[in-house]
Amino acid sequence: MKHRMLRVNEVVKRELSGILAREISFEGALVTINHVDVNSDLKSARVFVSVLGSEKAESIMTKLEEHRPAFQAELARRVIMKFTPHLLFHLDESIARGSRVVEILQQIDADREKPE
C-alpha cells in the first residue's frame, strides 16, 4: 500500500474515533475503531469496529449505521479530501478471537503442569 493511502487511513481513523467519542454514547460498552481501509478512489471506506462490554454488538452496529450520515458530514468538516468516503461499518472480532486463543493456550499450559 502506498504511503499516502496509509496516511489517509490513519487520519480518517483518528478523526472518526474522536467523532464517535463525542457524538454518540454506548452505555456499558467500549466501542473502538481498530482499522480504516479507504479505497484508492477515496469514495468508500471500510471501518472495522470492535465492541467490548455489556451491550450487544448487533445493536451497536445498527446504531452506527443509523448515525452514518452525521459521521460522514462531520468527517467532511474535519478532513479536507477530494471526496468524503462513504462509511461502511464492519464488526471486527479479532480482539475476541485473540483473547480466546490466549485462554486456550493458558488452559494447555495448565494441563501440562498437572501431575498425572
PDB file of N, CA and C in Angstrom:
ATOM      1  N   MET A   1       0.845  -1.166   0.000  1.00  0.00           N
ATOM      2  CA  MET A   1       0.000   0.000   0.000  1.00  0.00           C
ATOM      3  C   MET A   1       0.899   1.240   0.000  1.00  0.00           C
ATOM      4  N   LYS A   2       0.501   2.217  -0.727  1.00  0.00           N
ATOM      5  CA  LYS A   2       1.298   3.429  -0.811  1.00  0.00           C
ATOM      6  C   LYS A   2       1.268   4.200   0.500  1.00  0.00           C
ATOM      7  N   HIS A   3       2.330   4.958   0.694  1.00  0.00           N
ATOM      8  CA  HIS A   3       2.470   5.747   1.917  1.00  0.00           C
ATOM      9  C   HIS A   3       1.308   6.746   2.070  1.00  0.00           C
ATOM     10  N   ARG A   4       0.882   7.321   0.969  1.00  0.00           N
ATOM     11  CA  ARG A   4      -0.227   8.293   1.007  1.00  0.00           C
ATOM     12  C   ARG A   4      -1.502   7.647   1.529  1.00  0.00           C
ATOM     13  N   MET A   5      -1.826   6.463   1.054  1.00  0.00           N
ATOM     14  CA  MET A   5      -3.056   5.792   1.491  1.00  0.00           C
ATOM     15  C   MET A   5      -2.969   5.388   2.966  1.00  0.00           C
ATOM     16  N   LEU A   6      -1.784   5.030   3.424  1.00  0.00           N
ATOM     17  CA  LEU A   6      -1.626   4.727   4.851  1.00  0.00           C
ATOM     18  C   LEU A   6      -1.922   5.965   5.697  1.00  0.00           C
ATOM     19  N   ARG A   7      -1.460   7.115   5.245  1.00  0.00           N
ATOM     20  CA  ARG A   7      -1.732   8.361   5.968  1.00  0.00           C
ATOM     21  C   ARG A   7      -3.216   8.697   5.933  1.00  0.00           C
ATOM     22  N   VAL A   8      -3.856   8.521   4.787  1.00  0.00           N
ATOM     23  CA  VAL A   8      -5.293   8.795   4.666  1.00  0.00           C
ATOM     24  C   VAL A   8      -6.072   7.877   5.611  1.00  0.00           C
ATOM     25  N   ASN A   9      -5.732   6.593   5.620  1.00  0.00           N
ATOM     26  CA  ASN A   9      -6.401   5.645   6.518  1.00  0.00           C
ATOM     27  C   ASN A   9      -6.257   6.073   7.975  1.00  0.00           C
ATOM     28  N   GLU A  10      -5.054   6.475   8.353  1.00  0.00           N
ATOM     29  CA  GLU A  10      -4.798   6.850   9.738  1.00  0.00           C
ATOM     30  C   GLU A  10      -5.519   8.144  10.114  1.00  0.00           C
ATOM     31  N   VAL A  11      -5.561   9.113   9.220  1.00  0.00           N
ATOM     32  CA  VAL A  11      -6.262  10.366   9.506  1.00  0.00           C
ATOM     33  C   VAL A  11      -7.760  10.115   9.661  1.00  0.00           C
ATOM     34  N   VAL A  12      -8.330   9.330   8.775  1.00  0.00           N
ATOM     35  CA  VAL A  12      -9.767   9.032   8.858  1.00  0.00           C
ATOM     36  C   VAL A  12     -10.065   8.264  10.141  1.00  0.00           C
ATOM     37  N   LYS A  13      -9.216   7.316  10.492  1.00  0.00           N
ATOM     38  CA  LYS A  13      -9.405   6.547  11.726  1.00  0.00           C
ATOM     39  C   LYS A  13      -9.354   7.461  12.947  1.00  0.00           C
ATOM     40  N   ARG A  14      -8.362   8.330  13.010  1.00  0.00           N
ATOM     41  CA  ARG A  14      -8.207   9.226  14.158  1.00  0.00           C
ATOM     42  C   ARG A  14      -9.408  10.169  14.290  1.00  0.00           C
ATOM     43  N   GLU A  15      -9.830  10.766  13.185  1.00  0.00           N
ATOM     44  CA  GLU A  15     -10.948  11.704  13.233  1.00  0.00           C
ATOM     45  C   GLU A  15     -12.261  11.003  13.559  1.00  0.00           C
ATOM     46  N   LEU A  16     -12.495   9.833  12.958  1.00  0.00           N
ATOM     47  CA  LEU A  16     -13.721   9.085  13.259  1.00  0.00           C
ATOM     48  C   LEU A  16     -13.765   8.659  14.722  1.00  0.00           C
ATOM     49  N   SER A  17     -12.624   8.279  15.272  1.00  0.00           N
ATOM     50  CA  SER A  17     -12.581   7.896  16.691  1.00  0.00           C
ATOM     51  C   SER A  17     -13.000   9.059  17.567  1.00  0.00           C
ATOM     52  N   GLY A  18     -12.499  10.250  17.252  1.00  0.00           N
ATOM     53  CA  GLY A  18     -12.891  11.440  18.006  1.00  0.00           C
ATOM     54  C   GLY A  18     -14.360  11.767  17.850  1.00  0.00           C
ATOM     55  N   ILE A  19     -14.861  11.674  16.629  1.00  0.00           N
ATOM     56  CA  ILE A  19     -16.273  11.945  16.363  1.00  0.00           C
ATOM     57  C   ILE A  19     -17.155  10.962  17.123  1.00  0.00           C
ATOM     58  N   LEU A  20     -16.771   9.701  17.091  1.00  0.00           N
ATOM     59  CA  LEU A  20     -17.526   8.651  17.776  1.00  0.00           C
ATOM     60  C   LEU A  20     -17.573   8.916  19.284  1.00  0.00           C
ATOM     61  N   ALA A  21     -16.450   9.334  19.852  1.00  0.00           N
ATOM     62  CA  ALA A  21     -16.383   9.589  21.289  1.00  0.00           C
ATOM     63  C   ALA A  21     -17.254  10.780  21.683  1.00  0.00           C
ATOM     64  N   ARG A  22     -17.333  11.785  20.828  1.00  0.00           N
ATOM     65  CA  ARG A  22     -18.089  12.999  21.163  1.00  0.00           C
ATOM     66  C   ARG A  22     -19.568  12.901  20.837  1.00  0.00           C
ATOM     67  N   GLU A  23     -19.915  12.250  19.749  1.00  0.00           N
ATOM     68  CA  GLU A  23     -21.270  12.330  19.209  1.00  0.00           C
ATOM     69  C   GLU A  23     -22.252  11.295  19.748  1.00  0.00           C
ATOM     70  N   ILE A  24     -21.766  10.136  20.161  1.00  0.00           N
ATOM     71  CA  ILE A  24     -22.699   9.054  20.478  1.00  0.00           C
ATOM     72  C   ILE A  24     -22.257   8.347  21.751  1.00  0.00           C
ATOM     73  N   SER A  25     -23.218   7.904  22.536  1.00  0.00           N
ATOM     74  CA  SER A  25     -22.932   7.233  23.800  1.00  0.00           C
ATOM     75  C   SER A  25     -23.361   5.771  23.713  1.00  0.00           C
ATOM     76  N   PHE A  26     -22.476   4.895  24.112  1.00  0.00           N
ATOM     77  CA  PHE A  26     -22.777   3.462  24.174  1.00  0.00           C
ATOM     78  C   PHE A  26     -22.714   3.065  25.647  1.00  0.00           C
ATOM     79  N   GLU A  27     -23.880   2.959  26.281  1.00  0.00           N
ATOM     80  CA  GLU A  27     -23.935   2.663  27.709  1.00  0.00           C
ATOM     81  C   GLU A  27     -23.410   1.268  27.998  1.00  0.00           C
ATOM     82  N   GLY A  28     -22.390   1.185  28.839  1.00  0.00           N
ATOM     83  CA  GLY A  28     -21.860  -0.099  29.262  1.00  0.00           C
ATOM     84  C   GLY A  28     -20.998  -0.810  28.242  1.00  0.00           C
ATOM     85  N   ALA A  29     -20.647  -0.154  27.164  1.00  0.00           N
ATOM     86  CA  ALA A  29     -19.837  -0.808  26.147  1.00  0.00           C
ATOM     87  C   ALA A  29     -18.686   0.104  25.725  1.00  0.00           C
ATOM     88  N   LEU A  30     -17.581  -0.502  25.392  1.00  0.00           N
ATOM     89  CA  LEU A  30     -16.436   0.225  24.857  1.00  0.00           C
ATOM     90  C   LEU A  30     -16.381  -0.067  23.362  1.00  0.00           C
ATOM     91  N   VAL A  31     -16.539   0.975  22.567  1.00  0.00           N
ATOM     92  CA  VAL A  31     -16.543   0.842  21.111  1.00  0.00           C
ATOM     93  C   VAL A  31     -15.309   1.547  20.587  1.00  0.00           C
ATOM     94  N   THR A  32     -14.473   0.815  19.860  1.00  0.00           N
ATOM     95  CA  THR A  32     -13.248   1.393  19.307  1.00  0.00           C
ATOM     96  C   THR A  32     -13.152   1.095  17.821  1.00  0.00           C
ATOM     97  N   ILE A  33     -12.492   1.990  17.125  1.00  0.00           N
ATOM     98  CA  ILE A  33     -12.218   1.775  15.703  1.00  0.00           C
ATOM     99  C   ILE A  33     -10.814   1.203  15.608  1.00  0.00           C
ATOM    100  N   ASN A  34     -10.726  -0.027  15.126  1.00  0.00           N
ATOM    101  CA  ASN A  34      -9.432  -0.701  15.038  1.00  0.00           C
ATOM    102  C   ASN A  34      -8.678  -0.356  13.773  1.00  0.00           C
ATOM    103  N   HIS A  35      -9.407  -0.236  12.671  1.00  0.00           N
ATOM    104  CA  HIS A  35      -8.740  -0.028  11.389  1.00  0.00           C
ATOM    105  C   HIS A  35      -9.720   0.610  10.418  1.00  0.00           C
ATOM    106  N   VAL A  36      -9.187   1.430   9.533  1.00  0.00           N
ATOM    107  CA  VAL A  36      -9.979   2.022   8.460  1.00  0.00           C
ATOM    108  C   VAL A  36      -9.252   1.736   7.161  1.00  0.00           C
ATOM    109  N   ASP A  37      -9.987   1.264   6.172  1.00  0.00           N
ATOM    110  CA  ASP A  37      -9.416   0.966   4.860  1.00  0.00           C
ATOM    111  C   ASP A  37     -10.170   1.783   3.815  1.00  0.00           C
ATOM    112  N   VAL A  38      -9.567   2.902   3.396  1.00  0.00           N
ATOM    113  CA  VAL A  38     -10.170   3.780   2.402  1.00  0.00           C
ATOM    114  C   VAL A  38      -9.766   3.275   1.017  1.00  0.00           C
ATOM    115  N   ASN A  39     -10.734   3.160   0.117  1.00  0.00           N
ATOM    116  CA  ASN A  39     -10.419   2.744  -1.253  1.00  0.00           C
ATOM    117  C   ASN A  39      -9.516   3.774  -1.915  1.00  0.00           C
ATOM    118  N   SER A  40      -8.771   3.347  -2.915  1.00  0.00           N
ATOM    119  CA  SER A  40      -7.826   4.247  -3.579  1.00  0.00           C
ATOM    120  C   SER A  40      -8.525   5.403  -4.289  1.00  0.00           C
ATOM    121  N   ASP A  41      -9.802   5.243  -4.667  1.00  0.00           N
ATOM    122  CA  ASP A  41     -10.535   6.346  -5.301  1.00  0.00           C
ATOM    123  C   ASP A  41     -11.173   7.291  -4.273  1.00  0.00           C
ATOM    124  N   LEU A  42     -10.982   7.001  -2.981  1.00  0.00           N
ATOM    125  CA  LEU A  42     -11.461   7.813  -1.852  1.00  0.00           C
ATOM    126  C   LEU A  42     -12.982   7.894  -1.752  1.00  0.00           C
ATOM    127  N   LYS A  43     -13.702   7.037  -2.441  1.00  0.00           N
ATOM    128  CA  LYS A  43     -15.166   7.126  -2.430  1.00  0.00           C
ATOM    129  C   LYS A  43     -15.826   6.267  -1.367  1.00  0.00           C
ATOM    130  N   SER A  44     -15.117   5.285  -0.832  1.00  0.00           N
ATOM    131  CA  SER A  44     -15.693   4.481   0.244  1.00  0.00           C
ATOM    132  C   SER A  44     -14.586   4.060   1.211  1.00  0.00           C
ATOM    133  N   ALA A  45     -15.007   3.781   2.426  1.00  0.00           N
ATOM    134  CA  ALA A  45     -14.074   3.364   3.466  1.00  0.00           C
ATOM    135  C   ALA A  45     -14.719   2.291   4.323  1.00  0.00           C
ATOM    136  N   ARG A  46     -13.999   1.208   4.530  1.00  0.00           N
ATOM    137  CA  ARG A  46     -14.455   0.161   5.445  1.00  0.00           C
ATOM    138  C   ARG A  46     -13.891   0.486   6.823  1.00  0.00           C
ATOM    139  N   VAL A  47     -14.772   0.575   7.788  1.00  0.00           N
ATOM    140  CA  VAL A  47     -14.395   0.928   9.155  1.00  0.00           C
ATOM    141  C   VAL A  47     -14.599  -0.314  10.021  1.00  0.00           C
ATOM    142  N   PHE A  48     -13.506  -0.818  10.599  1.00  0.00           N
ATOM    143  CA  PHE A  48     -13.553  -2.017  11.420  1.00  0.00           C
ATOM    144  C   PHE A  48     -13.668  -1.610  12.886  1.00  0.00           C
ATOM    145  N   VAL A  49     -14.771  -2.013  13.519  1.00  0.00           N
ATOM    146  CA  VAL A  49     -15.133  -1.581  14.865  1.00  0.00           C
ATOM    147  C   VAL A  49     -15.133  -2.797  15.788  1.00  0.00           C
ATOM    148  N   SER A  50     -14.538  -2.626  16.981  1.00  0.00           N
ATOM    149  CA  SER A  50     -14.622  -3.686  17.984  1.00  0.00           C
ATOM    150  C   SER A  50     -15.484  -3.209  19.137  1.00  0.00           C
ATOM    151  N   VAL A  51     -16.201  -4.153  19.734  1.00  0.00           N
ATOM    152  CA  VAL A  51     -17.138  -3.846  20.813  1.00  0.00           C
ATOM    153  C   VAL A  51     -16.801  -4.724  22.010  1.00  0.00           C
ATOM    154  N   LEU A  52     -16.558  -4.074  23.141  1.00  0.00           N
ATOM    155  CA  LEU A  52     -16.330  -4.781  24.396  1.00  0.00           C
ATOM    156  C   LEU A  52     -17.318  -4.242  25.412  1.00  0.00           C
ATOM    157  N   GLY A  53     -17.988  -5.127  26.109  1.00  0.00           N
ATOM    158  CA  GLY A  53     -18.916  -4.660  27.136  1.00  0.00           C
ATOM    159  C   GLY A  53     -20.239  -5.379  27.093  1.00  0.00           C
ATOM    160  N   SER A  54     -21.202  -4.789  27.800  1.00  0.00           N
ATOM    161  CA  SER A  54     -22.471  -5.472  28.019  1.00  0.00           C
ATOM    162  C   SER A  54     -23.441  -5.369  26.843  1.00  0.00           C
ATOM    163  N   GLU A  55     -23.379  -4.276  26.109  1.00  0.00           N
ATOM    164  CA  GLU A  55     -24.333  -4.104  25.010  1.00  0.00           C
ATOM    165  C   GLU A  55     -24.032  -5.074  23.868  1.00  0.00           C
ATOM    166  N   LYS A  56     -25.060  -5.521  23.181  1.00  0.00           N
ATOM    167  CA  LYS A  56     -24.858  -6.465  22.087  1.00  0.00           C
ATOM    168  C   LYS A  56     -24.253  -5.761  20.883  1.00  0.00           C
ATOM    169  N   ALA A  57     -23.349  -6.452  20.207  1.00  0.00           N
ATOM    170  CA  ALA A  57     -22.645  -5.874  19.066  1.00  0.00           C
ATOM    171  C   ALA A  57     -23.609  -5.518  17.936  1.00  0.00           C
ATOM    172  N   GLU A  58     -24.667  -6.312  17.751  1.00  0.00           N
ATOM    173  CA  GLU A  58     -25.615  -6.044  16.664  1.00  0.00           C
ATOM    174  C   GLU A  58     -26.317  -4.709  16.864  1.00  0.00           C
ATOM    175  N   SER A  59     -26.710  -4.417  18.103  1.00  0.00           N
ATOM    176  CA  SER A  59     -27.400  -3.151  18.361  1.00  0.00           C
ATOM    177  C   SER A  59     -26.454  -1.969  18.181  1.00  0.00           C
ATOM    178  N   ILE A  60     -25.204  -2.142  18.530  1.00  0.00           N
ATOM    179  CA  ILE A  60     -24.221  -1.075  18.339  1.00  0.00           C
ATOM    180  C   ILE A  60     -23.974  -0.839  16.860  1.00  0.00           C
ATOM    181  N   MET A  61     -23.861  -1.899  16.081  1.00  0.00           N
ATOM    182  CA  MET A  61     -23.638  -1.756  14.641  1.00  0.00           C
ATOM    183  C   MET A  61     -24.844  -1.069  13.994  1.00  0.00           C
ATOM    184  N   THR A  62     -26.056  -1.384  14.467  1.00  0.00           N
ATOM    185  CA  THR A  62     -27.260  -0.722  13.965  1.00  0.00           C
ATOM    186  C   THR A  62     -27.232   0.762  14.287  1.00  0.00           C
ATOM    187  N   LYS A  63     -26.823   1.088  15.505  1.00  0.00           N
ATOM    188  CA  LYS A  63     -26.738   2.486  15.921  1.00  0.00           C
ATOM    189  C   LYS A  63     -25.703   3.240  15.083  1.00  0.00           C
ATOM    190  N   LEU A  64     -24.578   2.607  14.813  1.00  0.00           N
ATOM    191  CA  LEU A  64     -23.546   3.239  13.973  1.00  0.00           C
ATOM    192  C   LEU A  64     -24.073   3.494  12.566  1.00  0.00           C
ATOM    193  N   GLU A  65     -24.780   2.524  12.030  1.00  0.00           N
ATOM    194  CA  GLU A  65     -25.329   2.680  10.673  1.00  0.00           C
ATOM    195  C   GLU A  65     -26.371   3.789  10.626  1.00  0.00           C
ATOM    196  N   GLU A  66     -27.171   3.914  11.676  1.00  0.00           N
ATOM    197  CA  GLU A  66     -28.174   4.977  11.730  1.00  0.00           C
ATOM    198  C   GLU A  66     -27.525   6.364  11.752  1.00  0.00           C
ATOM    199  N   HIS A  67     -26.387   6.483  12.415  1.00  0.00           N
ATOM    200  CA  HIS A  67     -25.707   7.768  12.542  1.00  0.00           C
ATOM    201  C   HIS A  67     -24.649   7.994  11.456  1.00  0.00           C
ATOM    202  N   ARG A  68     -24.531   7.087  10.502  1.00  0.00           N
ATOM    203  CA  ARG A  68     -23.526   7.174   9.447  1.00  0.00           C
ATOM    204  C   ARG A  68     -23.549   8.506   8.698  1.00  0.00           C
ATOM    205  N   PRO A  69     -24.712   9.018   8.273  1.00  0.00           N
ATOM    206  CA  PRO A  69     -24.703  10.315   7.566  1.00  0.00           C
ATOM    207  C   PRO A  69     -24.123  11.458   8.408  1.00  0.00           C
ATOM    208  N   ALA A  70     -24.416  11.463   9.692  1.00  0.00           N
ATOM    209  CA  ALA A  70     -23.876  12.503  10.570  1.00  0.00           C
ATOM    210  C   ALA A  70     -22.363  12.346  10.719  1.00  0.00           C
ATOM    211  N   PHE A  71     -21.900  11.107  10.822  1.00  0.00           N
ATOM    212  CA  PHE A  71     -20.454  10.864  10.901  1.00  0.00           C
ATOM    213  C   PHE A  71     -19.755  11.341   9.636  1.00  0.00           C
ATOM    214  N   GLN A  72     -20.347  11.043   8.490  1.00  0.00           N
ATOM    215  CA  GLN A  72     -19.753  11.456   7.219  1.00  0.00           C
ATOM    216  C   GLN A  72     -19.720  12.982   7.100  1.00  0.00           C
ATOM    217  N   ALA A  73     -20.786  13.642   7.521  1.00  0.00           N
ATOM    218  CA  ALA A  73     -20.833  15.107   7.448  1.00  0.00           C
ATOM    219  C   ALA A  73     -19.772  15.725   8.354  1.00  0.00           C
ATOM    220  N   GLU A  74     -19.643  15.206   9.561  1.00  0.00           N
ATOM    221  CA  GLU A  74     -18.631  15.730  10.492  1.00  0.00           C
ATOM    222  C   GLU A  74     -17.222  15.430   9.984  1.00  0.00           C
ATOM    223  N   LEU A  75     -17.028  14.256   9.399  1.00  0.00           N
ATOM    224  CA  LEU A  75     -15.721  13.912   8.814  1.00  0.00           C
ATOM    225  C   LEU A  75     -15.377  14.865   7.674  1.00  0.00           C
ATOM    226  N   ALA A  76     -16.369  15.228   6.863  1.00  0.00           N
ATOM    227  CA  ALA A  76     -16.147  16.160   5.753  1.00  0.00           C
ATOM    228  C   ALA A  76     -15.724  17.536   6.278  1.00  0.00           C
ATOM    229  N   ARG A  77     -16.254  17.938   7.435  1.00  0.00           N
ATOM    230  CA  ARG A  77     -15.866  19.225   8.021  1.00  0.00           C
ATOM    231  C   ARG A  77     -14.449  19.199   8.582  1.00  0.00           C
ATOM    232  N   ARG A  78     -14.038  18.049   9.084  1.00  0.00           N
ATOM    233  CA  ARG A  78     -12.754  17.957   9.779  1.00  0.00           C
ATOM    234  C   ARG A  78     -11.577  17.579   8.885  1.00  0.00           C
ATOM    235  N   VAL A  79     -11.840  16.815   7.825  1.00  0.00           N
ATOM    236  CA  VAL A  79     -10.763  16.333   6.958  1.00  0.00           C
ATOM    237  C   VAL A  79     -11.021  16.834   5.541  1.00  0.00           C
ATOM    238  N   ILE A  80     -10.071  17.551   4.997  1.00  0.00           N
ATOM    239  CA  ILE A  80     -10.199  18.069   3.632  1.00  0.00           C
ATOM    240  C   ILE A  80      -9.661  17.019   2.665  1.00  0.00           C
ATOM    241  N   MET A  81     -10.581  16.459   1.891  1.00  0.00           N
ATOM    242  CA  MET A  81     -10.213  15.457   0.882  1.00  0.00           C
ATOM    243  C   MET A  81     -11.025  15.742  -0.373  1.00  0.00           C
ATOM    244  N   LYS A  82     -10.577  15.153  -1.471  1.00  0.00           N
ATOM    245  CA  LYS A  82     -11.298  15.331  -2.731  1.00  0.00           C
ATOM    246  C   LYS A  82     -12.733  14.833  -2.599  1.00  0.00           C
ATOM    247  N   PHE A  83     -12.902  13.659  -2.010  1.00  0.00           N
ATOM    248  CA  PHE A  83     -14.219  13.077  -1.741  1.00  0.00           C
ATOM    249  C   PHE A  83     -14.282  12.712  -0.263  1.00  0.00           C
ATOM    250  N   THR A  84     -15.460  12.800   0.305  1.00  0.00           N
ATOM    251  CA  THR A  84     -15.669  12.242   1.635  1.00  0.00           C
ATOM    252  C   THR A  84     -16.134  10.811   1.435  1.00  0.00           C
ATOM    253  N   PRO A  85     -15.397   9.849   1.977  1.00  0.00           N
ATOM    254  CA  PRO A  85     -15.749   8.449   1.710  1.00  0.00           C
ATOM    255  C   PRO A  85     -17.080   8.043   2.347  1.00  0.00           C
ATOM    256  N   HIS A  86     -17.782   7.165   1.646  1.00  0.00           N
ATOM    257  CA  HIS A  86     -18.997   6.527   2.173  1.00  0.00           C
ATOM    258  C   HIS A  86     -18.526   5.495   3.193  1.00  0.00           C
ATOM    259  N   LEU A  87     -18.977   5.599   4.421  1.00  0.00           N
ATOM    260  CA  LEU A  87     -18.514   4.738   5.502  1.00  0.00           C
ATOM    261  C   LEU A  87     -19.302   3.435   5.534  1.00  0.00           C
ATOM    262  N   LEU A  88     -18.579   2.336   5.591  1.00  0.00           N
ATOM    263  CA  LEU A  88     -19.173   1.005   5.713  1.00  0.00           C
ATOM    264  C   LEU A  88     -18.628   0.375   6.991  1.00  0.00           C
ATOM    265  N   PHE A  89     -19.481   0.199   7.983  1.00  0.00           N
ATOM    266  CA  PHE A  89     -19.042  -0.329   9.272  1.00  0.00           C
ATOM    267  C   PHE A  89     -19.060  -1.848   9.265  1.00  0.00           C
ATOM    268  N   HIS A  90     -17.971  -2.434   9.787  1.00  0.00           N
ATOM    269  CA  HIS A  90     -17.840  -3.887   9.901  1.00  0.00           C
ATOM    270  C   HIS A  90     -17.426  -4.211  11.331  1.00  0.00           C
ATOM    271  N   LEU A  91     -18.007  -5.265  11.877  1.00  0.00           N
ATOM    272  CA  LEU A  91     -17.650  -5.706  13.221  1.00  0.00           C
ATOM    273  C   LEU A  91     -16.320  -6.443  13.151  1.00  0.00           C
ATOM    274  N   ASP A  92     -15.360  -6.000  13.942  1.00  0.00           N
ATOM    275  CA  ASP A  92     -14.035  -6.621  13.985  1.00  0.00           C
ATOM    276  C   ASP A  92     -13.951  -7.461  15.249  1.00  0.00           C
ATOM    277  N   GLU A  93     -13.918  -8.751  15.085  1.00  0.00           N
ATOM    278  CA  GLU A  93     -13.894  -9.658  16.228  1.00  0.00           C
ATOM    279  C   GLU A  93     -12.503 -10.193  16.516  1.00  0.00           C
ATOM    280  N   SER A  94     -11.477  -9.537  15.998  1.00  0.00           N
ATOM    281  CA  SER A  94     -10.113 -10.031  16.166  1.00  0.00           C
ATOM    282  C   SER A  94      -9.662  -9.999  17.628  1.00  0.00           C
ATOM    283  N   ILE A  95     -10.105  -9.010  18.403  1.00  0.00           N
ATOM    284  CA  ILE A  95      -9.720  -8.939  19.811  1.00  0.00           C
ATOM    285  C   ILE A  95     -10.333 -10.107  20.577  1.00  0.00           C
ATOM    286  N   ALA A  96     -11.594 -10.394  20.324  1.00  0.00           N
ATOM    287  CA  ALA A  96     -12.259 -11.517  20.997  1.00  0.00           C
ATOM    288  C   ALA A  96     -11.608 -12.842  20.603  1.00  0.00           C
ATOM    289  N   ARG A  97     -11.279 -12.987  19.317  1.00  0.00           N
ATOM    290  CA  ARG A  97     -10.605 -14.212  18.877  1.00  0.00           C
ATOM    291  C   ARG A  97      -9.230 -14.329  19.513  1.00  0.00           C
ATOM    292  N   GLY A  98      -8.518 -13.221  19.608  1.00  0.00           N
ATOM    293  CA  GLY A  98      -7.190 -13.221  20.220  1.00  0.00           C
ATOM    294  C   GLY A  98      -7.242 -13.612  21.685  1.00  0.00           C
ATOM    295  N   SER A  99      -8.211 -13.086  22.403  1.00  0.00           N
ATOM    296  CA  SER A  99      -8.327 -13.428  23.823  1.00  0.00           C
ATOM    297  C   SER A  99      -8.729 -14.898  23.988  1.00  0.00           C
ATOM    298  N   ARG A 100      -9.528 -15.399  23.070  1.00  0.00           N
ATOM    299  CA  ARG A 100      -9.899 -16.825  23.122  1.00  0.00           C
ATOM    300  C   ARG A 100      -8.678 -17.713  22.896  1.00  0.00           C
ATOM    301  N   VAL A 101      -7.805 -17.333  21.970  1.00  0.00           N
ATOM    302  CA  VAL A 101      -6.571 -18.089  21.713  1.00  0.00           C
ATOM    303  C   VAL A 101      -5.695 -18.091  22.961  1.00  0.00           C
ATOM    304  N   VAL A 102      -5.586 -16.937  23.621  1.00  0.00           N
ATOM    305  CA  VAL A 102      -4.794 -16.845  24.849  1.00  0.00           C
ATOM    306  C   VAL A 102      -5.377 -17.758  25.928  1.00  0.00           C
ATOM    307  N   GLU A 103      -6.697 -17.780  26.068  1.00  0.00           N
ATOM    308  CA  GLU A 103      -7.343 -18.667  27.046  1.00  0.00           C
ATOM    309  C   GLU A 103      -7.017 -20.126  26.756  1.00  0.00           C
ATOM    310  N   ILE A 104      -7.083 -20.511  25.490  1.00  0.00           N
ATOM    311  CA  ILE A 104      -6.790 -21.898  25.113  1.00  0.00           C
ATOM    312  C   ILE A 104      -5.337 -22.241  25.433  1.00  0.00           C
ATOM    313  N   LEU A 105      -4.420 -21.329  25.109  1.00  0.00           N
ATOM    314  CA  LEU A 105      -3.003 -21.574  25.402  1.00  0.00           C
ATOM    315  C   LEU A 105      -2.754 -21.680  26.905  1.00  0.00           C
ATOM    316  N   GLN A 106      -3.427 -20.855  27.700  1.00  0.00           N
ATOM    317  CA  GLN A 106      -3.285 -20.930  29.150  1.00  0.00           C
ATOM    318  C   GLN A 106      -3.834 -22.247  29.680  1.00  0.00           C
ATOM    319  N   GLN A 107      -4.930 -22.720  29.102  1.00  0.00           N
ATOM    320  CA  GLN A 107      -5.507 -23.997  29.517  1.00  0.00           C
ATOM    321  C   GLN A 107      -4.567 -25.144  29.185  1.00  0.00           C
ATOM    322  N   ILE A 108      -3.954 -25.094  28.014  1.00  0.00           N
ATOM    323  CA  ILE A 108      -2.986 -26.133  27.620  1.00  0.00           C
ATOM    324  C   ILE A 108      -1.800 -26.120  28.576  1.00  0.00           C
ATOM    325  N   ASP A 109      -1.318 -24.936  28.930  1.00  0.00           N
ATOM    326  CA  ASP A 109      -0.218 -24.801  29.871  1.00  0.00           C
ATOM    327  C   ASP A 109      -0.588 -25.394  31.225  1.00  0.00           C
ATOM    328  N   ALA A 110      -1.796 -25.093  31.707  1.00  0.00           N
ATOM    329  CA  ALA A 110      -2.249 -25.593  32.993  1.00  0.00           C
ATOM    330  C   ALA A 110      -2.380 -27.114  32.966  1.00  0.00           C
ATOM    331  N   ASP A 111      -2.844 -27.669  31.854  1.00  0.00           N
ATOM    332  CA  ASP A 111      -2.981 -29.118  31.731  1.00  0.00           C
ATOM    333  C   ASP A 111      -1.622 -29.812  31.724  1.00  0.00           C
ATOM    334  N   ARG A 112      -0.614 -29.198  31.143  1.00  0.00           N
ATOM    335  CA  ARG A 112       0.739 -29.779  31.107  1.00  0.00           C
ATOM    336  C   ARG A 112       1.380 -29.799  32.485  1.00  0.00           C
ATOM    337  N   GLU A 113       1.062 -28.801  33.304  1.00  0.00           N
ATOM    338  CA  GLU A 113       1.684 -28.692  34.622  1.00  0.00           C
ATOM    339  C   GLU A 113       1.041 -29.609  35.660  1.00  0.00           C
ATOM    340  N   LYS A 114      -0.138 -30.145  35.361  1.00  0.00           N
ATOM    341  CA  LYS A 114      -0.803 -31.030  36.304  1.00  0.00           C
ATOM    342  C   LYS A 114      -0.048 -32.357  36.396  1.00  0.00           C
ATOM    343  N   PRO A 115       0.159 -32.850  37.612  1.00  0.00           N
ATOM    344  CA  PRO A 115       0.792 -34.172  37.751  1.00  0.00           C
ATOM    345  C   PRO A 115      -0.209 -35.266  37.378  1.00  0.00           C
ATOM    346  N   GLU A 116       0.290 -36.282  36.756  1.00  0.00           N
ATOM    347  CA  GLU A 116      -0.605 -37.370  36.322  1.00  0.00           C
ATOM    348  C   GLU A 116      -0.674 -38.475  37.306  1.00  0.00           C
TER     349      GLU A 116
END
